Protein backbone atom coordinates (compact mmCIF):
# COMPACT_ATOMS: atom_id res chain seq x y z
CA MET A 1 -56.39 24.13 35.46
CA ARG A 2 -54.59 22.95 32.29
CA ARG A 3 -50.79 21.82 33.14
CA VAL A 4 -48.51 21.61 30.61
CA ILE A 5 -44.66 20.18 30.16
CA THR A 6 -41.90 20.72 27.96
CA TYR A 7 -38.35 19.66 27.90
CA GLY A 8 -34.80 21.24 26.74
CA THR A 9 -31.03 22.25 27.68
CA PHE A 10 -32.02 25.96 27.17
CA ASP A 11 -28.31 26.58 27.16
CA LEU A 12 -27.08 30.23 25.69
CA LEU A 13 -30.80 31.08 26.02
CA HIS A 14 -32.03 32.98 23.34
CA TYR A 15 -35.47 34.36 22.16
CA GLY A 16 -36.08 31.35 20.11
CA HIS A 17 -36.56 29.74 23.49
CA ILE A 18 -38.49 32.63 25.01
CA ARG A 19 -40.87 32.38 22.36
CA LEU A 20 -41.12 28.47 22.77
CA LEU A 21 -41.91 28.84 26.61
CA GLN A 22 -44.49 31.48 25.54
CA ARG A 23 -46.32 29.42 23.14
CA CYS A 24 -46.33 26.24 25.57
CA LYS A 25 -47.59 28.55 28.63
CA GLU A 26 -50.76 29.83 26.11
CA GLN A 27 -51.40 25.81 25.74
CA GLY A 28 -52.78 26.21 29.50
CA ASP A 29 -52.30 27.66 32.79
CA TYR A 30 -49.11 26.35 34.97
CA LEU A 31 -45.74 25.00 32.92
CA VAL A 32 -43.68 22.80 33.87
CA VAL A 33 -40.32 22.95 32.11
CA ALA A 34 -38.18 19.97 32.51
CA LEU A 35 -34.28 20.64 32.06
CA SER A 36 -31.96 18.60 30.92
CA THR A 37 -29.02 17.78 33.84
CA ASP A 38 -25.24 18.38 33.27
CA GLU A 39 -25.30 14.84 33.38
CA PHE A 40 -27.96 13.96 31.48
CA ASN A 41 -26.38 16.01 28.72
CA ALA A 42 -22.98 14.40 29.00
CA GLY A 43 -24.50 11.08 28.01
CA LYS A 44 -25.77 12.35 25.07
CA GLY A 45 -22.48 13.88 24.29
CA LYS A 46 -23.48 17.35 25.12
CA LYS A 47 -22.14 20.18 26.89
CA SER A 48 -23.60 23.40 27.99
CA TYR A 49 -21.83 26.66 28.61
CA PHE A 50 -24.05 27.50 31.50
CA SER A 51 -24.47 24.65 34.59
CA TYR A 52 -28.05 23.26 35.15
CA ASP A 53 -28.01 25.64 38.17
CA ASP A 54 -27.54 28.59 36.41
CA ARG A 55 -29.75 27.69 33.81
CA LYS A 56 -32.92 26.60 36.03
CA ARG A 57 -32.40 30.23 37.63
CA MET A 58 -32.70 31.65 34.40
CA LEU A 59 -35.87 29.79 33.40
CA GLU A 60 -37.51 30.50 36.99
CA ALA A 61 -36.89 34.35 36.16
CA ILE A 62 -39.20 34.05 33.14
CA ARG A 63 -42.89 34.79 33.66
CA TYR A 64 -43.86 31.88 31.26
CA VAL A 65 -42.31 29.32 33.60
CA ASP A 66 -44.06 28.39 36.49
CA LEU A 67 -42.04 25.12 37.73
CA VAL A 68 -38.03 23.85 36.61
CA ILE A 69 -37.73 20.45 37.51
CA PRO A 70 -34.98 18.32 36.46
CA GLU A 71 -34.48 15.84 33.04
CA GLU A 72 -32.26 13.10 34.32
CA ASN A 73 -33.21 10.16 31.89
CA TRP A 74 -35.53 9.48 28.49
CA GLU A 75 -37.30 7.36 30.19
CA GLN A 76 -39.01 9.71 32.82
CA LYS A 77 -41.54 11.56 30.55
CA ALA A 78 -44.19 9.27 31.38
CA ASP A 79 -43.77 9.27 34.96
CA ASP A 80 -43.52 13.48 35.11
CA VAL A 81 -46.63 13.49 32.92
CA ASP A 82 -48.59 11.32 35.78
CA ARG A 83 -46.54 13.11 39.15
CA TYR A 84 -47.13 16.55 37.78
CA HIS A 85 -51.00 15.96 36.38
CA ILE A 86 -50.06 17.04 32.77
CA ASP A 87 -52.74 17.49 30.74
CA VAL A 88 -50.18 18.33 27.68
CA PHE A 89 -47.05 17.42 26.19
CA VAL A 90 -45.13 20.25 24.19
CA MET A 91 -41.90 19.71 21.95
CA GLY A 92 -40.58 21.57 19.29
CA ASP A 93 -41.55 19.92 15.91
CA ASP A 94 -38.06 19.17 15.43
CA TRP A 95 -39.11 16.26 17.57
CA GLU A 96 -42.14 15.47 15.68
CA GLY A 97 -43.71 11.92 16.35
CA LYS A 98 -40.93 10.62 18.49
CA PHE A 99 -43.31 11.41 21.76
CA ASP A 100 -46.53 10.01 20.34
CA GLU A 101 -46.62 7.52 22.94
CA LEU A 102 -47.50 9.98 25.44
CA SER A 103 -50.75 10.48 23.78
CA GLU A 104 -52.02 7.63 25.94
CA HIS A 105 -51.69 9.95 28.82
CA CYS A 106 -52.46 13.29 27.71
CA GLU A 107 -52.43 15.44 24.91
CA VAL A 108 -49.03 15.72 22.71
CA VAL A 109 -48.10 18.86 20.85
CA TYR A 110 -45.30 19.97 18.48
CA LEU A 111 -44.84 23.26 18.28
CA PRO A 112 -42.84 24.81 15.00
CA ARG A 113 -39.15 25.96 15.73
CA THR A 114 -38.12 29.87 15.56
CA PRO A 115 -36.21 29.16 12.25
CA GLU A 116 -33.78 31.66 12.28
CA ILE A 117 -32.23 31.02 15.41
CA SER A 118 -30.65 27.77 17.60
CA THR A 119 -27.76 27.43 20.44
CA THR A 120 -26.36 25.31 17.42
CA GLN A 121 -26.23 28.54 15.31
CA ILE A 122 -24.91 30.62 17.71
CA LYS A 123 -22.40 28.35 18.62
CA THR A 124 -21.10 28.34 15.12
CA ASP A 125 -21.33 31.66 14.59
CA LEU A 126 -19.17 32.61 17.39
CA SER A 127 -16.62 30.07 16.41
CA THR A 128 -16.22 31.47 13.22
CA LYS A 129 -15.81 35.00 14.38
């Protein structure tokens, strides 16, 4: 079994998120999503509209996702790769090069984002209406 992991906040879930999760799942057989906790987001200066628990329930309802775990800090990624026996680490290409050190543990893949949609864009569009 080829195991894949990706990370994110997944707030205001949209078709770009779904497409990313679908493409992540295409990289293997089992997809783990490390979901940023509310506390971790606060430390990054971000606030989600939906709580961690609500975002987790939404992700668990998506057929491409096999397991959702908490992302609590930047440093946990290598441990997650080992703990969950990950073969492929996947992120959007806006993170290109940022996680190359994980290639010592697994394959690292950066996928192109869905260009016309983002949570930031949705929030901006809603605030101007």
